[in-house]
Amino acid sequence: MRATVIHRYGGPEEFRTETVPEPVAGPGQVLIDVTLAGLNYADLHCRTGEYARYPLPAVLGADVVGRRRGDGRRVAALLRAGGGYAGVARAEAAHTVEVPDGVGDEQALALLEQGATAYGALTLAGRLRPGENVAVTSAAGGVGHLAVQLARELGAGRVTALASTPEKREFARSLGADAAVDPAEPDLAERLARSGGVDLFVDLVGGPVLRAGLAALAPFGRLLSVGARGGPEESFSVDELADRSAGLAAFWLQHVLADRVLFTGIAEQLFRLAAERRLVARIDRTVPLSGIAAAHRALAARETMGKVLVDVRHED
């Protein structure tokens, strides 16, 4: 099969498209003839070896959609060991879900990894309640733009989107955000604290914006870190949290994947909302195998909005 491979950790220039052996399914695993693979921010850190160090040569890619061998059913899967940038992927059966007829391949793939992250963060770790005010950083990104929509679906009273460019802020407003602000504003905390403060601050970036989020929290508000992007760490004293009776939490999708019933339940909710057009993933671009390096560069430069897909059926 054809796949895009790295033989050593490093920059996007390390990608090579080659013919490699197909994977072999072991106990509890399935093979998927891949239609589309997803590109995620974590892939950038996998490429450099900062996030997960797979045996080399390695095929990256953490999510796919395609046809399951054996029964031909259309499925989407999350790949904790990589392998998505290829014509055939091996997945744990427990991390695979069938895609309903009312949801296309692009939407199914764009929703599974990022949508499950957004939904799990808001409901499980963030414990969002109807009427609460929510702020979302990186609100035009793959997880963020879904979190904005899901917060609205879950009954948030006010949704504020943080995004770095006018185009991204306008996009966030089109998704239902009540306000969109530049996270670089010097008075960010004051801006967020207006209209009663923030009950749930969902951070997808890490670094100094977390401190602005804490300063903007209403009493009993929660600061939630989701997949921080390797920015500088922020620490908070118990006294700082106590000043607002604030909670500090983090979310990792792996704990959803460890519970098959929870994972499939979230996937069903996401696919139902997608079929009803109440949740729509934006597809920023779809690239062939040879376009993965350029797509990594664009994602690193924060030039994308929504999900980036790889059509593994086309090499160029």
C-alpha atoms as a PDB file:
ATOM      1  CA  MET A   1       0.000   0.000   0.000  1.00  0.00           C
ATOM      2  CA  ARG A   2       1.037   3.637  -0.358  1.00  0.00           C
ATOM      3  CA  ALA A   3       1.689   5.624   2.780  1.00  0.00           C
ATOM      4  CA  THR A   4       3.434   8.788   3.884  1.00  0.00           C
ATOM      5  CA  VAL A   5       6.228   7.846   6.265  1.00  0.00           C
ATOM      6  CA  ILE A   6       8.887   9.419   8.476  1.00  0.00           C
ATOM      7  CA  HIS A   7      12.244   7.662   8.886  1.00  0.00           C
ATOM      8  CA  ARG A   8      13.463  10.037  11.560  1.00  0.00           C
ATOM      9  CA  TYR A   9      11.918  12.659  13.801  1.00  0.00           C
ATOM     10  CA  GLY A  10      12.114  16.251  12.651  1.00  0.00           C
ATOM     11  CA  GLY A  11      10.440  18.820  10.431  1.00  0.00           C
ATOM     12  CA  PRO A  12       7.828  18.379   7.693  1.00  0.00           C
ATOM     13  CA  GLU A  13      10.632  17.746   5.195  1.00  0.00           C
ATOM     14  CA  GLU A  14      11.022  14.278   6.753  1.00  0.00           C
ATOM     15  CA  PHE A  15       7.830  12.992   5.117  1.00  0.00           C
ATOM     16  CA  ARG A  16       8.263  10.478   2.278  1.00  0.00           C
ATOM     17  CA  THR A  17       5.499   8.770   0.323  1.00  0.00           C
ATOM     18  CA  GLU A  18       6.439   5.129  -0.212  1.00  0.00           C
ATOM     19  CA  THR A  19       5.130   1.625  -0.734  1.00  0.00           C
ATOM     20  CA  VAL A  20       5.017  -0.173   2.609  1.00  0.00           C
ATOM     21  CA  PRO A  21       3.559  -3.496   3.787  1.00  0.00           C
ATOM     22  CA  GLU A  22      -0.078  -3.499   4.857  1.00  0.00           C
ATOM     23  CA  PRO A  23      -0.638  -3.799   8.600  1.00  0.00           C
ATOM     24  CA  VAL A  24      -1.821  -7.091  10.069  1.00  0.00           C
ATOM     25  CA  ALA A  25      -4.749  -7.148  12.482  1.00  0.00           C
ATOM     26  CA  GLY A  26      -4.208  -8.864  15.814  1.00  0.00           C
ATOM     27  CA  PRO A  27      -6.753  -9.933  18.419  1.00  0.00           C
ATOM     28  CA  GLY A  28      -9.364  -7.261  19.006  1.00  0.00           C
ATOM     29  CA  GLN A  29      -8.235  -5.267  15.976  1.00  0.00           C
ATOM     30  CA  VAL A  30      -9.720  -4.530  12.551  1.00  0.00           C
ATOM     31  CA  LEU A  31      -8.346  -3.366   9.220  1.00  0.00           C
ATOM     32  CA  ILE A  32      -9.867  -0.367   7.470  1.00  0.00           C
ATOM     33  CA  ASP A  33      -9.530   0.527   3.802  1.00  0.00           C
ATOM     34  CA  VAL A  34      -9.049   4.228   4.360  1.00  0.00           C
ATOM     35  CA  THR A  35     -10.945   6.877   2.448  1.00  0.00           C
ATOM     36  CA  LEU A  36      -9.807   9.917   4.417  1.00  0.00           C
ATOM     37  CA  ALA A  37      -7.376  10.483   7.266  1.00  0.00           C
ATOM     38  CA  GLY A  38      -7.335  13.410   9.653  1.00  0.00           C
ATOM     39  CA  LEU A  39      -4.529  15.780  10.455  1.00  0.00           C
ATOM     40  CA  ASN A  40      -4.402  16.855  14.095  1.00  0.00           C
ATOM     41  CA  TYR A  41      -2.223  19.271  16.002  1.00  0.00           C
ATOM     42  CA  ALA A  42      -0.816  16.385  18.018  1.00  0.00           C
ATOM     43  CA  ASP A  43       0.569  14.962  14.747  1.00  0.00           C
ATOM     44  CA  LEU A  44       3.051  17.831  14.659  1.00  0.00           C
ATOM     45  CA  HIS A  45       4.452  16.765  18.023  1.00  0.00           C
ATOM     46  CA  CYS A  46       4.441  13.106  17.004  1.00  0.00           C
ATOM     47  CA  ARG A  47       6.495  14.062  13.955  1.00  0.00           C
ATOM     48  CA  THR A  48       9.142  15.681  16.125  1.00  0.00           C
ATOM     49  CA  GLY A  49       9.012  12.920  18.749  1.00  0.00           C
ATOM     50  CA  GLU A  50       7.827  15.288  21.485  1.00  0.00           C
ATOM     51  CA  TYR A  51       4.415  13.671  22.023  1.00  0.00           C
ATOM     52  CA  ALA A  52       4.773   9.981  21.183  1.00  0.00           C
ATOM     53  CA  ARG A  53       7.794   8.171  19.807  1.00  0.00           C
ATOM     54  CA  TYR A  54       6.629   5.418  17.480  1.00  0.00           C
ATOM     55  CA  PRO A  55       9.086   2.824  16.154  1.00  0.00           C
ATOM     56  CA  LEU A  56      10.696   4.162  12.972  1.00  0.00           C
ATOM     57  CA  PRO A  57       9.903   4.193  10.128  1.00  0.00           C
ATOM     58  CA  ALA A  58       6.500   5.409  11.267  1.00  0.00           C
ATOM     59  CA  VAL A  59       3.177   6.285   9.678  1.00  0.00           C
ATOM     60  CA  LEU A  60       1.455   9.076  11.589  1.00  0.00           C
ATOM     61  CA  GLY A  61      -2.229   9.933  11.649  1.00  0.00           C
ATOM     62  CA  ALA A  62      -4.650   9.421  14.536  1.00  0.00           C
ATOM     63  CA  ASP A  63      -8.073   9.228  12.870  1.00  0.00           C
ATOM     64  CA  VAL A  64      -9.527   7.690   9.710  1.00  0.00           C
ATOM     65  CA  VAL A  65     -12.785   6.934   7.961  1.00  0.00           C
ATOM     66  CA  GLY A  66     -13.272   4.147   5.450  1.00  0.00           C
ATOM     67  CA  ARG A  67     -14.577   0.613   4.961  1.00  0.00           C
ATOM     68  CA  ARG A  68     -13.996  -2.106   7.513  1.00  0.00           C
ATOM     69  CA  ARG A  69     -12.604  -5.271   6.008  1.00  0.00           C
ATOM     70  CA  GLY A  70     -14.737  -8.327   6.552  1.00  0.00           C
ATOM     71  CA  ASP A  71     -18.141  -6.663   6.372  1.00  0.00           C
ATOM     72  CA  GLY A  72     -17.547  -3.543   4.247  1.00  0.00           C
ATOM     73  CA  ARG A  73     -19.303  -1.312   6.761  1.00  0.00           C
ATOM     74  CA  ARG A  74     -18.444   2.380   6.742  1.00  0.00           C
ATOM     75  CA  VAL A  75     -16.583   3.207   9.948  1.00  0.00           C
ATOM     76  CA  ALA A  76     -14.543   5.922  11.608  1.00  0.00           C
ATOM     77  CA  ALA A  77     -11.757   5.073  14.014  1.00  0.00           C
ATOM     78  CA  LEU A  78      -9.255   6.666  16.365  1.00  0.00           C
ATOM     79  CA  LEU A  79      -5.736   5.251  16.114  1.00  0.00           C
ATOM     80  CA  ARG A  80      -3.779   5.562  19.342  1.00  0.00           C
ATOM     81  CA  ALA A  81      -0.697   4.030  17.678  1.00  0.00           C
ATOM     82  CA  GLY A  82      -0.873   6.121  14.492  1.00  0.00           C
ATOM     83  CA  GLY A  83      -1.075   4.677  10.988  1.00  0.00           C
ATOM     84  CA  GLY A  84      -3.670   6.961   9.411  1.00  0.00           C
ATOM     85  CA  TYR A  85      -1.621   8.420   6.540  1.00  0.00           C
ATOM     86  CA  ALA A  86      -1.963   5.212   4.534  1.00  0.00           C
ATOM     87  CA  GLY A  87      -4.279   3.232   2.296  1.00  0.00           C
ATOM     88  CA  VAL A  88      -4.985   0.674   5.023  1.00  0.00           C
ATOM     89  CA  ALA A  89      -5.097   1.316   8.764  1.00  0.00           C
ATOM     90  CA  ARG A  90      -5.168  -1.015  11.746  1.00  0.00           C
ATOM     91  CA  ALA A  91      -7.509   0.009  14.542  1.00  0.00           C
ATOM     92  CA  GLU A  92      -8.634  -1.365  17.863  1.00  0.00           C
ATOM     93  CA  ALA A  93     -12.190  -2.607  17.371  1.00  0.00           C
ATOM     94  CA  ALA A  94     -13.171  -0.821  20.593  1.00  0.00           C
ATOM     95  CA  HIS A  95     -12.008   2.505  19.102  1.00  0.00           C
ATOM     96  CA  THR A  96     -14.083   2.072  15.938  1.00  0.00           C
ATOM     97  CA  VAL A  97     -17.644   3.282  15.365  1.00  0.00           C
ATOM     98  CA  GLU A  98     -20.025   2.769  12.461  1.00  0.00           C
ATOM     99  CA  VAL A  99     -21.011   5.891  10.540  1.00  0.00           C
ATOM    100  CA  PRO A 100     -24.758   6.341   9.960  1.00  0.00           C
ATOM    101  CA  ASP A 101     -26.108   6.922   6.474  1.00  0.00           C
ATOM    102  CA  GLY A 102     -27.022  10.536   7.185  1.00  0.00           C
ATOM    103  CA  VAL A 103     -23.425  11.572   7.850  1.00  0.00           C
ATOM    104  CA  GLY A 104     -20.806  11.870   5.104  1.00  0.00           C
ATOM    105  CA  ASP A 105     -17.219  10.713   5.387  1.00  0.00           C
ATOM    106  CA  GLU A 106     -15.799  14.217   5.778  1.00  0.00           C
ATOM    107  CA  GLN A 107     -18.152  15.169   8.603  1.00  0.00           C
ATOM    108  CA  ALA A 108     -17.746  11.828  10.379  1.00  0.00           C
ATOM    109  CA  LEU A 109     -13.971  12.116  10.371  1.00  0.00           C
ATOM    110  CA  ALA A 110     -13.900  15.776  11.340  1.00  0.00           C
ATOM    111  CA  LEU A 111     -16.264  15.135  14.250  1.00  0.00           C
ATOM    112  CA  LEU A 112     -14.876  11.980  15.816  1.00  0.00           C
ATOM    113  CA  GLU A 113     -11.511  13.062  17.283  1.00  0.00           C
ATOM    114  CA  GLN A 114     -12.105  16.778  17.709  1.00  0.00           C
ATOM    115  CA  GLY A 115     -15.827  16.511  18.369  1.00  0.00           C
ATOM    116  CA  ALA A 116     -15.418  13.870  21.051  1.00  0.00           C
ATOM    117  CA  THR A 117     -12.731  16.034  22.636  1.00  0.00           C
ATOM    118  CA  ALA A 118     -14.955  19.116  22.624  1.00  0.00           C
ATOM    119  CA  TYR A 119     -18.031  17.249  23.877  1.00  0.00           C
ATOM    120  CA  GLY A 120     -16.140  15.345  26.563  1.00  0.00           C
ATOM    121  CA  ALA A 121     -14.360  18.468  27.746  1.00  0.00           C
ATOM    122  CA  LEU A 122     -17.568  20.472  28.073  1.00  0.00           C
ATOM    123  CA  THR A 123     -19.693  17.781  29.697  1.00  0.00           C
ATOM    124  CA  LEU A 124     -17.348  15.469  31.616  1.00  0.00           C
ATOM    125  CA  ALA A 125     -14.501  17.695  32.802  1.00  0.00           C
ATOM    126  CA  GLY A 126     -16.129  21.123  32.422  1.00  0.00           C
ATOM    127  CA  ARG A 127     -19.531  20.011  33.769  1.00  0.00           C
ATOM    128  CA  LEU A 128     -21.256  22.745  31.793  1.00  0.00           C
ATOM    129  CA  ARG A 129     -24.714  23.651  33.072  1.00  0.00           C
ATOM    130  CA  PRO A 130     -27.474  25.410  31.088  1.00  0.00           C
ATOM    131  CA  GLY A 131     -27.267  29.174  31.293  1.00  0.00           C
ATOM    132  CA  GLU A 132     -23.557  29.333  32.139  1.00  0.00           C
ATOM    133  CA  ASN A 133     -21.167  31.658  30.328  1.00  0.00           C
ATOM    134  CA  VAL A 134     -18.442  29.892  28.337  1.00  0.00           C
ATOM    135  CA  ALA A 135     -15.236  31.163  26.736  1.00  0.00           C
ATOM    136  CA  VAL A 136     -13.283  29.063  24.209  1.00  0.00           C
ATOM    137  CA  THR A 137      -9.716  29.737  23.069  1.00  0.00           C
ATOM    138  CA  SER A 138      -8.496  28.800  19.576  1.00  0.00           C
ATOM    139  CA  ALA A 139     -12.156  29.018  18.656  1.00  0.00           C
ATOM    140  CA  ALA A 140     -11.604  28.626  14.910  1.00  0.00           C
ATOM    141  CA  GLY A 141      -9.508  25.471  15.269  1.00  0.00           C
ATOM    142  CA  GLY A 142     -10.486  21.844  14.866  1.00  0.00           C
ATOM    143  CA  VAL A 143     -11.666  21.388  18.465  1.00  0.00           C
ATOM    144  CA  GLY A 144     -12.507  25.007  19.198  1.00  0.00           C
ATOM    145  CA  HIS A 145     -15.010  25.587  16.404  1.00  0.00           C
ATOM    146  CA  LEU A 146     -16.902  22.470  17.496  1.00  0.00           C
ATOM    147  CA  ALA A 147     -16.751  23.509  21.159  1.00  0.00           C
ATOM    148  CA  VAL A 148     -18.394  26.825  20.274  1.00  0.00           C
ATOM    149  CA  GLN A 149     -21.277  25.038  18.558  1.00  0.00           C
ATOM    150  CA  LEU A 150     -21.613  22.363  21.233  1.00  0.00           C
ATOM    151  CA  ALA A 151     -21.625  24.900  24.055  1.00  0.00           C
ATOM    152  CA  ARG A 152     -24.577  26.538  22.358  1.00  0.00           C
ATOM    153  CA  GLU A 153     -26.285  23.161  21.864  1.00  0.00           C
ATOM    154  CA  LEU A 154     -25.744  22.313  25.526  1.00  0.00           C
ATOM    155  CA  GLY A 155     -27.528  25.467  26.629  1.00  0.00           C
ATOM    156  CA  ALA A 156     -24.727  27.902  27.427  1.00  0.00           C
ATOM    157  CA  GLY A 157     -26.035  31.342  28.265  1.00  0.00           C
ATOM    158  CA  ARG A 158     -23.245  33.260  26.524  1.00  0.00           C
ATOM    159  CA  VAL A 159     -20.407  31.953  24.373  1.00  0.00           C
ATOM    160  CA  THR A 160     -17.270  34.051  23.871  1.00  0.00           C
ATOM    161  CA  ALA A 161     -14.767  32.954  21.228  1.00  0.00           C
ATOM    162  CA  LEU A 162     -11.073  33.816  21.408  1.00  0.00           C
ATOM    163  CA  ALA A 163      -9.386  33.853  18.001  1.00  0.00           C
ATOM    164  CA  SER A 164      -6.263  35.523  16.662  1.00  0.00           C
ATOM    165  CA  THR A 165      -7.394  37.146  13.395  1.00  0.00           C
ATOM    166  CA  PRO A 166     -10.443  39.132  12.229  1.00  0.00           C
ATOM    167  CA  GLU A 167     -11.298  36.344   9.774  1.00  0.00           C
ATOM    168  CA  LYS A 168     -11.230  33.715  12.507  1.00  0.00           C
ATOM    169  CA  ARG A 169     -13.295  35.871  14.842  1.00  0.00           C
ATOM    170  CA  GLU A 170     -15.913  36.419  12.158  1.00  0.00           C
ATOM    171  CA  PHE A 171     -15.985  32.665  11.543  1.00  0.00           C
ATOM    172  CA  ALA A 172     -16.550  32.051  15.247  1.00  0.00           C
ATOM    173  CA  ARG A 173     -19.453  34.497  15.276  1.00  0.00           C
ATOM    174  CA  SER A 174     -21.001  32.669  12.325  1.00  0.00           C
ATOM    175  CA  LEU A 175     -20.989  29.508  14.464  1.00  0.00           C
ATOM    176  CA  GLY A 176     -23.100  31.139  17.151  1.00  0.00           C
ATOM    177  CA  ALA A 177     -20.574  32.859  19.396  1.00  0.00           C
ATOM    178  CA  ASP A 178     -22.095  35.897  21.084  1.00  0.00           C
ATOM    179  CA  ALA A 179     -18.747  37.684  21.068  1.00  0.00           C
ATOM    180  CA  ALA A 180     -15.306  37.138  19.584  1.00  0.00           C
ATOM    181  CA  VAL A 181     -12.168  38.725  20.976  1.00  0.00           C
ATOM    182  CA  ASP A 182      -8.459  38.797  20.235  1.00  0.00           C
ATOM    183  CA  PRO A 183      -6.539  36.837  22.896  1.00  0.00           C
ATOM    184  CA  ALA A 184      -3.646  39.289  22.507  1.00  0.00           C
ATOM    185  CA  GLU A 185      -5.702  42.217  23.814  1.00  0.00           C
ATOM    186  CA  PRO A 186      -3.997  43.733  26.882  1.00  0.00           C
ATOM    187  CA  ASP A 187      -7.332  44.016  28.719  1.00  0.00           C
ATOM    188  CA  LEU A 188      -8.447  40.467  27.843  1.00  0.00           C
ATOM    189  CA  ALA A 189      -9.456  39.524  31.385  1.00  0.00           C
ATOM    190  CA  GLU A 190     -11.562  42.662  31.751  1.00  0.00           C
ATOM    191  CA  ARG A 191     -13.257  42.031  28.396  1.00  0.00           C
ATOM    192  CA  LEU A 192     -14.094  38.460  29.373  1.00  0.00           C
ATOM    193  CA  ALA A 193     -15.302  39.432  32.847  1.00  0.00           C
ATOM    194  CA  ARG A 194     -18.018  41.678  31.461  1.00  0.00           C
ATOM    195  CA  SER A 195     -21.566  40.315  31.397  1.00  0.00           C
ATOM    196  CA  GLY A 196     -21.149  38.500  34.686  1.00  0.00           C
ATOM    197  CA  GLY A 197     -17.795  36.810  34.153  1.00  0.00           C
ATOM    198  CA  VAL A 198     -16.962  33.383  32.768  1.00  0.00           C
ATOM    199  CA  ASP A 199     -18.307  30.209  34.348  1.00  0.00           C
ATOM    200  CA  LEU A 200     -16.283  27.829  32.167  1.00  0.00           C
ATOM    201  CA  PHE A 201     -13.058  28.861  30.441  1.00  0.00           C
ATOM    202  CA  VAL A 202     -12.070  26.193  27.895  1.00  0.00           C
ATOM    203  CA  ASP A 203      -8.420  26.572  26.960  1.00  0.00           C
ATOM    204  CA  LEU A 204      -6.903  24.780  23.965  1.00  0.00           C
ATOM    205  CA  VAL A 205      -3.640  26.719  23.802  1.00  0.00           C
ATOM    206  CA  GLY A 206      -1.902  26.866  27.163  1.00  0.00           C
ATOM    207  CA  GLY A 207       0.436  29.565  28.383  1.00  0.00           C
ATOM    208  CA  PRO A 208      -0.416  33.093  29.586  1.00  0.00           C
ATOM    209  CA  VAL A 209      -4.022  33.060  28.326  1.00  0.00           C
ATOM    210  CA  LEU A 210      -4.815  30.705  31.208  1.00  0.00           C
ATOM    211  CA  ARG A 211      -4.046  33.451  33.696  1.00  0.00           C
ATOM    212  CA  ALA A 212      -6.396  35.829  31.876  1.00  0.00           C
ATOM    213  CA  GLY A 213      -9.020  33.108  31.978  1.00  0.00           C
ATOM    214  CA  LEU A 214      -8.595  32.702  35.727  1.00  0.00           C
ATOM    215  CA  ALA A 215      -8.891  36.455  36.257  1.00  0.00           C
ATOM    216  CA  ALA A 216     -12.136  36.492  34.263  1.00  0.00           C
ATOM    217  CA  LEU A 217     -13.834  33.657  36.152  1.00  0.00           C
ATOM    218  CA  ALA A 218     -17.050  34.267  38.001  1.00  0.00           C
ATOM    219  CA  PRO A 219     -17.322  32.829  41.531  1.00  0.00           C
ATOM    220  CA  PHE A 220     -17.401  29.018  41.334  1.00  0.00           C
ATOM    221  CA  GLY A 221     -16.113  29.161  37.743  1.00  0.00           C
ATOM    222  CA  ARG A 222     -13.898  26.469  36.229  1.00  0.00           C
ATOM    223  CA  LEU A 223     -10.677  26.747  34.282  1.00  0.00           C
ATOM    224  CA  LEU A 224     -10.365  23.792  31.887  1.00  0.00           C
ATOM    225  CA  SER A 225      -7.197  22.851  29.990  1.00  0.00           C
ATOM    226  CA  VAL A 226      -7.713  20.678  26.912  1.00  0.00           C
ATOM    227  CA  GLY A 227      -4.768  19.389  24.885  1.00  0.00           C
ATOM    228  CA  ALA A 228      -2.403  22.252  25.638  1.00  0.00           C
ATOM    229  CA  ARG A 229      -0.163  22.830  22.618  1.00  0.00           C
ATOM    230  CA  GLY A 230       3.171  22.731  24.348  1.00  0.00           C
ATOM    231  CA  GLY A 231       3.168  26.389  25.288  1.00  0.00           C
ATOM    232  CA  PRO A 232       4.759  27.649  28.492  1.00  0.00           C
ATOM    233  CA  GLU A 233       3.131  26.148  31.557  1.00  0.00           C
ATOM    234  CA  GLU A 234       1.156  28.285  33.978  1.00  0.00           C
ATOM    235  CA  SER A 235       0.799  27.401  37.640  1.00  0.00           C
ATOM    236  CA  PHE A 236      -1.731  28.658  40.131  1.00  0.00           C
ATOM    237  CA  SER A 237      -1.657  28.696  43.898  1.00  0.00           C
ATOM    238  CA  VAL A 238      -4.514  27.347  45.968  1.00  0.00           C
ATOM    239  CA  ASP A 239      -5.014  30.896  47.262  1.00  0.00           C
ATOM    240  CA  GLU A 240      -5.520  32.212  43.724  1.00  0.00           C
ATOM    241  CA  LEU A 241      -8.169  29.590  43.069  1.00  0.00           C
ATOM    242  CA  ALA A 242      -9.780  30.158  46.463  1.00  0.00           C
ATOM    243  CA  ASP A 243     -10.158  33.872  45.726  1.00  0.00           C
ATOM    244  CA  ARG A 244     -12.871  32.896  43.225  1.00  0.00           C
ATOM    245  CA  SER A 245     -13.876  29.525  44.674  1.00  0.00           C
ATOM    246  CA  ALA A 246     -12.580  28.384  41.284  1.00  0.00           C
ATOM    247  CA  GLY A 247     -11.998  24.907  39.934  1.00  0.00           C
ATOM    248  CA  LEU A 248      -9.048  23.812  37.818  1.00  0.00           C
ATOM    249  CA  ALA A 249      -9.436  20.770  35.561  1.00  0.00           C
ATOM    250  CA  ALA A 250      -7.959  19.126  32.489  1.00  0.00           C
ATOM    251  CA  PHE A 251      -9.302  16.734  29.864  1.00  0.00           C
ATOM    252  CA  TRP A 252      -7.664  13.879  27.947  1.00  0.00           C
ATOM    253  CA  LEU A 253      -9.635  11.939  25.343  1.00  0.00           C
ATOM    254  CA  GLN A 254      -7.852   8.709  26.270  1.00  0.00           C
ATOM    255  CA  HIS A 255     -10.131   8.329  29.283  1.00  0.00           C
ATOM    256  CA  VAL A 256     -13.167   8.366  26.993  1.00  0.00           C
ATOM    257  CA  LEU A 257     -11.591   5.751  24.736  1.00  0.00           C
ATOM    258  CA  ALA A 258     -10.995   3.531  27.743  1.00  0.00           C
ATOM    259  CA  ASP A 259     -14.769   3.278  28.235  1.00  0.00           C
ATOM    260  CA  ARG A 260     -16.406   1.735  25.160  1.00  0.00           C
ATOM    261  CA  VAL A 261     -19.942   2.638  26.243  1.00  0.00           C
ATOM    262  CA  LEU A 262     -18.970   6.254  26.904  1.00  0.00           C
ATOM    263  CA  PHE A 263     -17.069   6.549  23.615  1.00  0.00           C
ATOM    264  CA  THR A 264     -19.856   5.152  21.451  1.00  0.00           C
ATOM    265  CA  GLY A 265     -22.454   7.215  23.301  1.00  0.00           C
ATOM    266  CA  ILE A 266     -20.575  10.428  22.566  1.00  0.00           C
ATOM    267  CA  ALA A 267     -20.060   9.409  18.922  1.00  0.00           C
ATOM    268  CA  GLU A 268     -23.778   8.721  18.543  1.00  0.00           C
ATOM    269  CA  GLN A 269     -24.615  12.154  19.977  1.00  0.00           C
ATOM    270  CA  LEU A 270     -22.189  13.862  17.604  1.00  0.00           C
ATOM    271  CA  PHE A 271     -23.450  11.963  14.559  1.00  0.00           C
ATOM    272  CA  ARG A 272     -27.067  12.689  15.497  1.00  0.00           C
ATOM    273  CA  LEU A 273     -26.358  16.417  15.704  1.00  0.00           C
ATOM    274  CA  ALA A 274     -24.484  16.237  12.396  1.00  0.00           C
ATOM    275  CA  ALA A 275     -27.341  14.412  10.651  1.00  0.00           C
ATOM    276  CA  GLU A 276     -29.703  17.123  11.901  1.00  0.00           C
ATOM    277  CA  ARG A 277     -27.282  19.822  10.687  1.00  0.00           C
ATOM    278  CA  ARG A 278     -27.097  21.224  14.217  1.00  0.00           C
ATOM    279  CA  LEU A 279     -23.351  20.560  14.335  1.00  0.00           C
ATOM    280  CA  VAL A 280     -21.249  21.200  11.249  1.00  0.00           C
ATOM    281  CA  ALA A 281     -17.505  20.654  11.053  1.00  0.00           C
ATOM    282  CA  ARG A 282     -15.658  23.049   8.805  1.00  0.00           C
ATOM    283  CA  ILE A 283     -13.254  21.379   6.392  1.00  0.00           C
ATOM    284  CA  ASP A 284     -10.348  23.741   5.877  1.00  0.00           C
ATOM    285  CA  ARG A 285      -8.694  21.733   3.113  1.00  0.00           C
ATOM    286  CA  THR A 286      -8.225  18.211   1.788  1.00  0.00           C
ATOM    287  CA  VAL A 287      -4.729  17.276   0.637  1.00  0.00           C
ATOM    288  CA  PRO A 288      -3.247  14.211  -1.101  1.00  0.00           C
ATOM    289  CA  LEU A 289      -0.506  12.133   0.492  1.00  0.00           C
ATOM    290  CA  SER A 290       2.128  14.374  -1.054  1.00  0.00           C
ATOM    291  CA  GLY A 291       0.493  17.422   0.548  1.00  0.00           C
ATOM    292  CA  ILE A 292       0.903  16.310   4.157  1.00  0.00           C
ATOM    293  CA  ALA A 293       4.154  18.223   4.699  1.00  0.00           C
ATOM    294  CA  ALA A 294       2.617  21.496   3.492  1.00  0.00           C
ATOM    295  CA  ALA A 295      -0.473  20.855   5.625  1.00  0.00           C
ATOM    296  CA  HIS A 296       1.729  20.364   8.696  1.00  0.00           C
ATOM    297  CA  ARG A 297       3.399  23.701   7.980  1.00  0.00           C
ATOM    298  CA  ALA A 298       0.034  25.444   7.603  1.00  0.00           C
ATOM    299  CA  LEU A 299      -1.285  23.983  10.851  1.00  0.00           C
ATOM    300  CA  ALA A 300       1.880  24.961  12.728  1.00  0.00           C
ATOM    301  CA  ALA A 301       1.567  28.515  11.379  1.00  0.00           C
ATOM    302  CA  ARG A 302      -2.079  28.625  12.538  1.00  0.00           C
ATOM    303  CA  GLU A 303      -3.227  29.273   8.991  1.00  0.00           C
ATOM    304  CA  THR A 304      -6.119  26.789   9.132  1.00  0.00           C
ATOM    305  CA  MET A 305      -9.710  26.970  10.352  1.00  0.00           C
ATOM    306  CA  GLY A 306     -11.493  23.741  11.202  1.00  0.00           C
ATOM    307  CA  LYS A 307     -10.310  20.298  10.131  1.00  0.00           C
ATOM    308  CA  VAL A 308      -7.586  19.351   7.657  1.00  0.00           C
ATOM    309  CA  LEU A 309      -8.143  16.058   5.820  1.00  0.00           C
ATOM    310  CA  VAL A 310      -5.884  13.760   3.817  1.00  0.00           C
ATOM    311  CA  ASP A 311      -7.302  11.891   0.821  1.00  0.00           C
ATOM    312  CA  VAL A 312      -5.076   8.832   0.986  1.00  0.00           C
ATOM    313  CA  ARG A 313      -6.456   7.516  -2.332  1.00  0.00           C
ATOM    314  CA  HIS A 314      -4.503  10.200  -4.171  1.00  0.00           C
ATOM    315  CA  GLU A 315      -0.750  10.593  -3.993  1.00  0.00           C
ATOM    316  CA  ASP A 316      -0.470  13.926  -5.813  1.00  0.00           C
END
